[in-house]
């Protein structure tokens, strides 16, 4: 699977962005410690995705990475789990992968 250059650029841009801050219906992480921990999990996922895409990965490898990242949120509050799901959905759509395949 190969990603378009603009898709890779968008993923890199999101990698650099601050995450788990208030947006749309998400109120933001309850405190900075939680925000940083959750952001780090998403950033590790993005790093892994970028590495996989550099090596012409398969859709299944991308989905497996997404599942592992979402598993890291099993102990987080519902709001953070849902926001992580939102982020993953955005990345999967950008990569033209049906995010319902994650389940």
C-alpha atoms as a PDB file:
ATOM      1  CA  UNK A   1       0.000   0.000   0.000  1.00  0.00           C
ATOM      2  CA  UNK A   2       1.304   3.402  -0.906  1.00  0.00           C
ATOM      3  CA  UNK A   3       0.126   6.730   0.423  1.00  0.00           C
ATOM      4  CA  UNK A   4      -0.088   9.899  -1.609  1.00  0.00           C
ATOM      5  CA  UNK A   5       2.558  12.513  -0.798  1.00  0.00           C
ATOM      6  CA  UNK A   6      -0.126  14.937   0.415  1.00  0.00           C
ATOM      7  CA  UNK A   7      -1.491  12.249   2.748  1.00  0.00           C
ATOM      8  CA  UNK A   8       1.952  11.637   4.217  1.00  0.00           C
ATOM      9  CA  UNK A   9       2.400  15.384   4.641  1.00  0.00           C
ATOM     10  CA  UNK A  10      -0.939  15.637   6.459  1.00  0.00           C
ATOM     11  CA  UNK A  11       0.006  12.771   8.792  1.00  0.00           C
ATOM     12  CA  UNK A  12       3.345  14.431   9.552  1.00  0.00           C
ATOM     13  CA  UNK A  13       1.557  17.718  10.209  1.00  0.00           C
ATOM     14  CA  UNK A  14      -0.826  16.041  12.622  1.00  0.00           C
ATOM     15  CA  UNK A  15       2.116  14.295  14.274  1.00  0.00           C
ATOM     16  CA  UNK A  16       3.512  17.731  15.122  1.00  0.00           C
ATOM     17  CA  UNK A  17       0.178  19.105  16.364  1.00  0.00           C
ATOM     18  CA  UNK A  18      -0.959  19.271  19.983  1.00  0.00           C
ATOM     19  CA  UNK A  19      -3.622  16.646  20.570  1.00  0.00           C
ATOM     20  CA  UNK A  20      -6.358  16.001  23.124  1.00  0.00           C
ATOM     21  CA  UNK A  21      -7.197  19.681  23.441  1.00  0.00           C
ATOM     22  CA  UNK A  22     -10.768  21.004  23.239  1.00  0.00           C
ATOM     23  CA  UNK A  23     -12.257  20.719  19.750  1.00  0.00           C
ATOM     24  CA  UNK A  24     -15.732  20.185  18.343  1.00  0.00           C
ATOM     25  CA  UNK A  25     -17.608  18.146  20.961  1.00  0.00           C
ATOM     26  CA  UNK A  26     -14.462  16.923  22.753  1.00  0.00           C
ATOM     27  CA  UNK A  27     -13.838  18.947  25.952  1.00  0.00           C
ATOM     28  CA  UNK A  28     -10.106  18.229  26.091  1.00  0.00           C
ATOM     29  CA  UNK A  29      -8.163  15.970  28.426  1.00  0.00           C
ATOM     30  CA  UNK A  30      -8.954  16.519  32.119  1.00  0.00           C
ATOM     31  CA  UNK A  31      -5.358  17.504  32.897  1.00  0.00           C
ATOM     32  CA  UNK A  32      -1.980  17.960  31.236  1.00  0.00           C
ATOM     33  CA  UNK A  33      -0.591  14.620  32.427  1.00  0.00           C
ATOM     34  CA  UNK A  34      -3.410  12.726  30.727  1.00  0.00           C
ATOM     35  CA  UNK A  35      -3.201  14.911  27.613  1.00  0.00           C
ATOM     36  CA  UNK A  36       0.538  14.278  27.251  1.00  0.00           C
ATOM     37  CA  UNK A  37       0.170  10.516  27.849  1.00  0.00           C
ATOM     38  CA  UNK A  38      -2.627  10.227  25.270  1.00  0.00           C
ATOM     39  CA  UNK A  39      -0.810  12.408  22.764  1.00  0.00           C
ATOM     40  CA  UNK A  40       2.308  10.261  23.126  1.00  0.00           C
ATOM     41  CA  UNK A  41       0.302   7.115  22.326  1.00  0.00           C
ATOM     42  CA  UNK A  42      -1.120   8.694  19.163  1.00  0.00           C
ATOM     43  CA  UNK A  43       2.301  10.016  18.154  1.00  0.00           C
ATOM     44  CA  UNK A  44       3.863   6.551  18.551  1.00  0.00           C
ATOM     45  CA  UNK A  45       1.120   5.209  16.296  1.00  0.00           C
ATOM     46  CA  UNK A  46       1.765   7.928  13.710  1.00  0.00           C
ATOM     47  CA  UNK A  47       5.499   7.231  13.817  1.00  0.00           C
ATOM     48  CA  UNK A  48       4.802   3.543  13.245  1.00  0.00           C
ATOM     49  CA  UNK A  49       2.403   4.279  10.391  1.00  0.00           C
ATOM     50  CA  UNK A  50       4.911   6.565   8.694  1.00  0.00           C
ATOM     51  CA  UNK A  51       7.606   3.887   9.014  1.00  0.00           C
ATOM     52  CA  UNK A  52       5.276   1.215   7.657  1.00  0.00           C
ATOM     53  CA  UNK A  53       4.281   3.401   4.717  1.00  0.00           C
ATOM     54  CA  UNK A  54       7.944   4.021   3.913  1.00  0.00           C
ATOM     55  CA  UNK A  55       8.273   0.253   3.448  1.00  0.00           C
ATOM     56  CA  UNK A  56       5.213  -0.313   1.241  1.00  0.00           C
ATOM     57  CA  UNK A  57       3.147  -1.912   3.978  1.00  0.00           C
ATOM     58  CA  UNK A  58      -0.116  -3.800   3.778  1.00  0.00           C
ATOM     59  CA  UNK A  59      -3.527  -2.583   4.859  1.00  0.00           C
ATOM     60  CA  UNK A  60      -3.536  -5.333   7.500  1.00  0.00           C
ATOM     61  CA  UNK A  61      -0.315  -4.021   9.072  1.00  0.00           C
ATOM     62  CA  UNK A  62      -1.777  -0.512   9.270  1.00  0.00           C
ATOM     63  CA  UNK A  63      -4.968  -1.842  10.863  1.00  0.00           C
ATOM     64  CA  UNK A  64      -2.965  -3.946  13.345  1.00  0.00           C
ATOM     65  CA  UNK A  65      -1.032  -0.845  14.365  1.00  0.00           C
ATOM     66  CA  UNK A  66      -4.280   1.074  14.847  1.00  0.00           C
ATOM     67  CA  UNK A  67      -5.679  -1.739  17.014  1.00  0.00           C
ATOM     68  CA  UNK A  68      -2.551  -1.748  19.189  1.00  0.00           C
ATOM     69  CA  UNK A  69      -2.785   2.005  19.681  1.00  0.00           C
ATOM     70  CA  UNK A  70      -6.460   1.866  20.565  1.00  0.00           C
ATOM     71  CA  UNK A  71      -5.726  -0.926  23.051  1.00  0.00           C
ATOM     72  CA  UNK A  72      -3.452   1.536  24.876  1.00  0.00           C
ATOM     73  CA  UNK A  73      -6.581   3.562  25.635  1.00  0.00           C
ATOM     74  CA  UNK A  74      -8.420   0.744  27.411  1.00  0.00           C
ATOM     75  CA  UNK A  75      -7.775   2.320  30.818  1.00  0.00           C
ATOM     76  CA  UNK A  76      -8.479   5.911  29.753  1.00  0.00           C
ATOM     77  CA  UNK A  77     -11.754   7.754  30.258  1.00  0.00           C
ATOM     78  CA  UNK A  78     -14.440   7.398  27.615  1.00  0.00           C
ATOM     79  CA  UNK A  79     -13.773  10.872  26.225  1.00  0.00           C
ATOM     80  CA  UNK A  80     -10.109  10.113  25.524  1.00  0.00           C
ATOM     81  CA  UNK A  81     -10.940   6.694  24.023  1.00  0.00           C
ATOM     82  CA  UNK A  82     -13.494   8.315  21.736  1.00  0.00           C
ATOM     83  CA  UNK A  83     -11.053  11.050  20.717  1.00  0.00           C
ATOM     84  CA  UNK A  84      -8.416   8.425  19.928  1.00  0.00           C
ATOM     85  CA  UNK A  85     -11.047   6.646  17.797  1.00  0.00           C
ATOM     86  CA  UNK A  86     -11.746   9.939  16.034  1.00  0.00           C
ATOM     87  CA  UNK A  87      -8.064  10.442  15.249  1.00  0.00           C
ATOM     88  CA  UNK A  88      -7.681   6.882  13.948  1.00  0.00           C
ATOM     89  CA  UNK A  89     -10.766   7.278  11.765  1.00  0.00           C
ATOM     90  CA  UNK A  90      -9.319  10.430  10.235  1.00  0.00           C
ATOM     91  CA  UNK A  91      -6.006   8.721   9.460  1.00  0.00           C
ATOM     92  CA  UNK A  92      -7.657   5.627   8.025  1.00  0.00           C
ATOM     93  CA  UNK A  93      -9.896   7.706   5.752  1.00  0.00           C
ATOM     94  CA  UNK A  94      -6.849   9.701   4.622  1.00  0.00           C
ATOM     95  CA  UNK A  95      -5.176   6.394   3.746  1.00  0.00           C
ATOM     96  CA  UNK A  96      -8.380   5.218   2.031  1.00  0.00           C
ATOM     97  CA  UNK A  97      -8.853   2.375   4.521  1.00  0.00           C
ATOM     98  CA  UNK A  98     -12.288   1.580   5.888  1.00  0.00           C
ATOM     99  CA  UNK A  99     -11.871   2.280   9.606  1.00  0.00           C
ATOM    100  CA  UNK A 100     -14.684  -0.174  10.406  1.00  0.00           C
ATOM    101  CA  UNK A 101     -12.120  -2.904   9.591  1.00  0.00           C
ATOM    102  CA  UNK A 102     -10.310  -2.075  12.844  1.00  0.00           C
ATOM    103  CA  UNK A 103     -12.898  -3.946  14.874  1.00  0.00           C
END
